[in-house]
PDB file of N, CA and C in Angstrom:
ATOM      1  N   PHE A   1    -209.149  70.883 116.279  1.00  0.00           N
ATOM      2  CA  PHE A   1    -207.845  70.519 115.742  1.00  0.00           C
ATOM      3  C   PHE A   1    -207.795  70.572 114.227  1.00  0.00           C
ATOM      4  N   SER A   2    -208.897  70.832 113.584  1.00  0.00           N
ATOM      5  CA  SER A   2    -208.876  70.841 112.125  1.00  0.00           C
ATOM      6  C   SER A   2    -207.976  71.947 111.576  1.00  0.00           C
ATOM      7  N   PHE A   3    -207.936  73.115 112.213  1.00  0.00           N
ATOM      8  CA  PHE A   3    -207.071  74.193 111.727  1.00  0.00           C
ATOM      9  C   PHE A   3    -205.607  73.832 111.898  1.00  0.00           C
ATOM     10  N   ILE A   4    -205.271  73.158 112.981  1.00  0.00           N
ATOM     11  CA  ILE A   4    -203.891  72.712 113.195  1.00  0.00           C
ATOM     12  C   ILE A   4    -203.514  71.687 112.128  1.00  0.00           C
ATOM     13  N   SER A   5    -204.399  70.745 111.851  1.00  0.00           N
ATOM     14  CA  SER A   5    -204.131  69.726 110.829  1.00  0.00           C
ATOM     15  C   SER A   5    -203.942  70.355 109.460  1.00  0.00           C
ATOM     16  N   MET A   6    -204.755  71.339 109.117  1.00  0.00           N
ATOM     17  CA  MET A   6    -204.613  72.005 107.823  1.00  0.00           C
ATOM     18  C   MET A   6    -203.284  72.747 107.747  1.00  0.00           C
ATOM     19  N   ASN A   7    -202.808  73.282 108.852  1.00  0.00           N
ATOM     20  CA  ASN A   7    -201.545  74.011 108.872  1.00  0.00           C
ATOM     21  C   ASN A   7    -200.348  73.087 108.664  1.00  0.00           C
ATOM     22  N   TRP A   8    -200.429  71.838 109.111  1.00  0.00           N
ATOM     23  CA  TRP A   8    -199.308  70.906 108.968  1.00  0.00           C
ATOM     24  C   TRP A   8    -199.017  70.561 107.522  1.00  0.00           C
ATOM     25  N   LYS A   9    -200.033  70.420 106.687  1.00  0.00           N
ATOM     26  CA  LYS A   9    -199.898  70.146 105.249  1.00  0.00           C
ATOM     27  C   LYS A   9    -199.001  68.956 104.963  1.00  0.00           C
ATOM     28  N   GLY A  10    -199.086  67.925 105.784  1.00  0.00           N
ATOM     29  CA  GLY A  10    -198.354  66.694 105.524  1.00  0.00           C
ATOM     30  C   GLY A  10    -196.879  66.726 105.878  1.00  0.00           C
ATOM     31  N   GLU A  11    -196.409  67.784 106.513  1.00  0.00           N
ATOM     32  CA  GLU A  11    -194.992  67.838 106.893  1.00  0.00           C
ATOM     33  C   GLU A  11    -194.721  66.824 108.000  1.00  0.00           C
ATOM     34  N   PRO A  12    -193.632  66.068 107.904  1.00  0.00           N
ATOM     35  CA  PRO A  12    -193.323  65.073 108.935  1.00  0.00           C
ATOM     36  C   PRO A  12    -193.112  65.721 110.308  1.00  0.00           C
ATOM     37  N   LEU A  13    -193.707  65.125 111.317  1.00  0.00           N
ATOM     38  CA  LEU A  13    -193.560  65.617 112.681  1.00  0.00           C
ATOM     39  C   LEU A  13    -192.421  64.839 113.327  1.00  0.00           C
ATOM     40  N   ILE A  14    -191.191  65.297 113.061  1.00  0.00           N
ATOM     41  CA  ILE A  14    -190.002  64.524 113.417  1.00  0.00           C
ATOM     42  C   ILE A  14    -189.538  64.732 114.848  1.00  0.00           C
ATOM     43  N   ASN A  15    -189.968  65.830 115.465  1.00  0.00           N
ATOM     44  CA  ASN A  15    -189.582  66.077 116.858  1.00  0.00           C
ATOM     45  C   ASN A  15    -190.597  67.023 117.502  1.00  0.00           C
ATOM     46  N   TYR A  16    -190.466  67.234 118.800  1.00  0.00           N
ATOM     47  CA  TYR A  16    -191.419  68.087 119.527  1.00  0.00           C
ATOM     48  C   TYR A  16    -191.346  69.545 119.066  1.00  0.00           C
ATOM     49  N   GLU A  17    -190.165  70.012 118.730  1.00  0.00           N
ATOM     50  CA  GLU A  17    -190.014  71.397 118.282  1.00  0.00           C
ATOM     51  C   GLU A  17    -190.828  71.651 117.013  1.00  0.00           C
ATOM     52  N   THR A  18    -190.812  70.703 116.085  1.00  0.00           N
ATOM     53  CA  THR A  18    -191.591  70.825 114.859  1.00  0.00           C
ATOM     54  C   THR A  18    -193.076  70.901 115.173  1.00  0.00           C
ATOM     55  N   VAL A  19    -193.548  70.056 116.071  1.00  0.00           N
ATOM     56  CA  VAL A  19    -194.966  70.050 116.456  1.00  0.00           C
ATOM     57  C   VAL A  19    -195.343  71.389 117.072  1.00  0.00           C
ATOM     58  N   VAL A  20    -194.544  71.887 118.009  1.00  0.00           N
ATOM     59  CA  VAL A  20    -194.837  73.165 118.667  1.00  0.00           C
ATOM     60  C   VAL A  20    -194.835  74.301 117.646  1.00  0.00           C
ATOM     61  N   ASN A  21    -193.896  74.306 116.721  1.00  0.00           N
ATOM     62  CA  ASN A  21    -193.846  75.350 115.696  1.00  0.00           C
ATOM     63  C   ASN A  21    -195.081  75.321 114.811  1.00  0.00           C
ATOM     64  N   MET A  22    -195.536  74.141 114.426  1.00  0.00           N
ATOM     65  CA  MET A  22    -196.741  74.031 113.600  1.00  0.00           C
ATOM     66  C   MET A  22    -197.976  74.516 114.350  1.00  0.00           C
ATOM     67  N   ILE A  23    -198.080  74.145 115.608  1.00  0.00           N
ATOM     68  CA  ILE A  23    -199.229  74.572 116.411  1.00  0.00           C
ATOM     69  C   ILE A  23    -199.207  76.088 116.616  1.00  0.00           C
ATOM     70  N   SER A  24    -198.029  76.640 116.904  1.00  0.00           N
ATOM     71  CA  SER A  24    -197.954  78.066 117.230  1.00  0.00           C
ATOM     72  C   SER A  24    -198.180  78.975 116.024  1.00  0.00           C
ATOM     73  N   THR A  25    -198.056  78.476 114.805  1.00  0.00           N
ATOM     74  CA  THR A  25    -198.307  79.307 113.618  1.00  0.00           C
ATOM     75  C   THR A  25    -199.721  79.166 113.101  1.00  0.00           C
ATOM     76  N   THR A  26    -200.581  78.470 113.830  1.00  0.00           N
ATOM     77  CA  THR A  26    -201.963  78.256 113.408  1.00  0.00           C
ATOM     78  C   THR A  26    -202.814  79.487 113.701  1.00  0.00           C
ATOM     79  N   THR A  27    -203.616  79.890 112.719  1.00  0.00           N
ATOM     80  CA  THR A  27    -204.576  80.976 112.879  1.00  0.00           C
ATOM     81  C   THR A  27    -205.887  80.576 112.210  1.00  0.00           C
ATOM     82  N   THR A  28    -206.941  81.318 112.492  1.00  0.00           N
ATOM     83  CA  THR A  28    -208.219  81.115 111.816  1.00  0.00           C
ATOM     84  C   THR A  28    -208.647  82.419 111.158  1.00  0.00           C
ATOM     85  N   ARG A  29    -209.618  82.334 110.254  1.00  0.00           N
ATOM     86  CA  ARG A  29    -210.118  83.531 109.586  1.00  0.00           C
ATOM     87  C   ARG A  29    -210.783  84.492 110.566  1.00  0.00           C
ATOM     88  N   SER A  30    -211.315  83.956 111.669  1.00  0.00           N
ATOM     89  CA  SER A  30    -211.993  84.817 112.641  1.00  0.00           C
ATOM     90  C   SER A  30    -211.019  85.501 113.595  1.00  0.00           C
ATOM     91  N   GLY A  31    -209.710  85.234 113.461  1.00  0.00           N
ATOM     92  CA  GLY A  31    -208.716  85.954 114.235  1.00  0.00           C
ATOM     93  C   GLY A  31    -208.074  85.185 115.379  1.00  0.00           C
ATOM     94  N   LEU A  32    -208.418  83.900 115.550  1.00  0.00           N
ATOM     95  CA  LEU A  32    -207.799  83.107 116.604  1.00  0.00           C
ATOM     96  C   LEU A  32    -206.318  82.925 116.299  1.00  0.00           C
ATOM     97  N   LYS A  33    -205.474  83.227 117.272  1.00  0.00           N
ATOM     98  CA  LYS A  33    -204.031  83.020 117.141  1.00  0.00           C
ATOM     99  C   LYS A  33    -203.585  82.124 118.295  1.00  0.00           C
ATOM    100  N   ILE A  34    -202.763  81.152 117.986  1.00  0.00           N
ATOM    101  CA  ILE A  34    -202.313  80.172 118.970  1.00  0.00           C
ATOM    102  C   ILE A  34    -200.904  80.528 119.436  1.00  0.00           C
ATOM    103  N   LYS A  35    -200.683  80.430 120.731  1.00  0.00           N
ATOM    104  CA  LYS A  35    -199.340  80.556 121.304  1.00  0.00           C
ATOM    105  C   LYS A  35    -199.014  79.219 121.942  1.00  0.00           C
ATOM    106  N   ALA A  36    -197.875  78.648 121.591  1.00  0.00           N
ATOM    107  CA  ALA A  36    -197.478  77.341 122.128  1.00  0.00           C
ATOM    108  C   ALA A  36    -195.997  77.369 122.462  1.00  0.00           C
ATOM    109  N   GLN A  37    -195.639  76.629 123.490  1.00  0.00           N
ATOM    110  CA  GLN A  37    -194.230  76.472 123.848  1.00  0.00           C
ATOM    111  C   GLN A  37    -194.026  75.081 124.426  1.00  0.00           C
ATOM    112  N   LEU A  38    -192.842  74.570 124.248  1.00  0.00           N
ATOM    113  CA  LEU A  38    -192.507  73.246 124.748  1.00  0.00           C
ATOM    114  C   LEU A  38    -192.285  73.305 126.254  1.00  0.00           C
ATOM    115  N   ASP A  39    -192.936  72.412 126.970  1.00  0.00           N
ATOM    116  CA  ASP A  39    -192.817  72.385 128.420  1.00  0.00           C
ATOM    117  C   ASP A  39    -192.016  71.155 128.824  1.00  0.00           C
TER     118      ASP A  39
END
């Protein structure tokens, strides 16, 4: 979860859509890309 935390950069997590958007834009230098959707 450290890469997800670094991607948030202190932005308030005001709703589920914001959380999903932050998670889905997370990547790593080694090429990991995250796909997330609200269920």
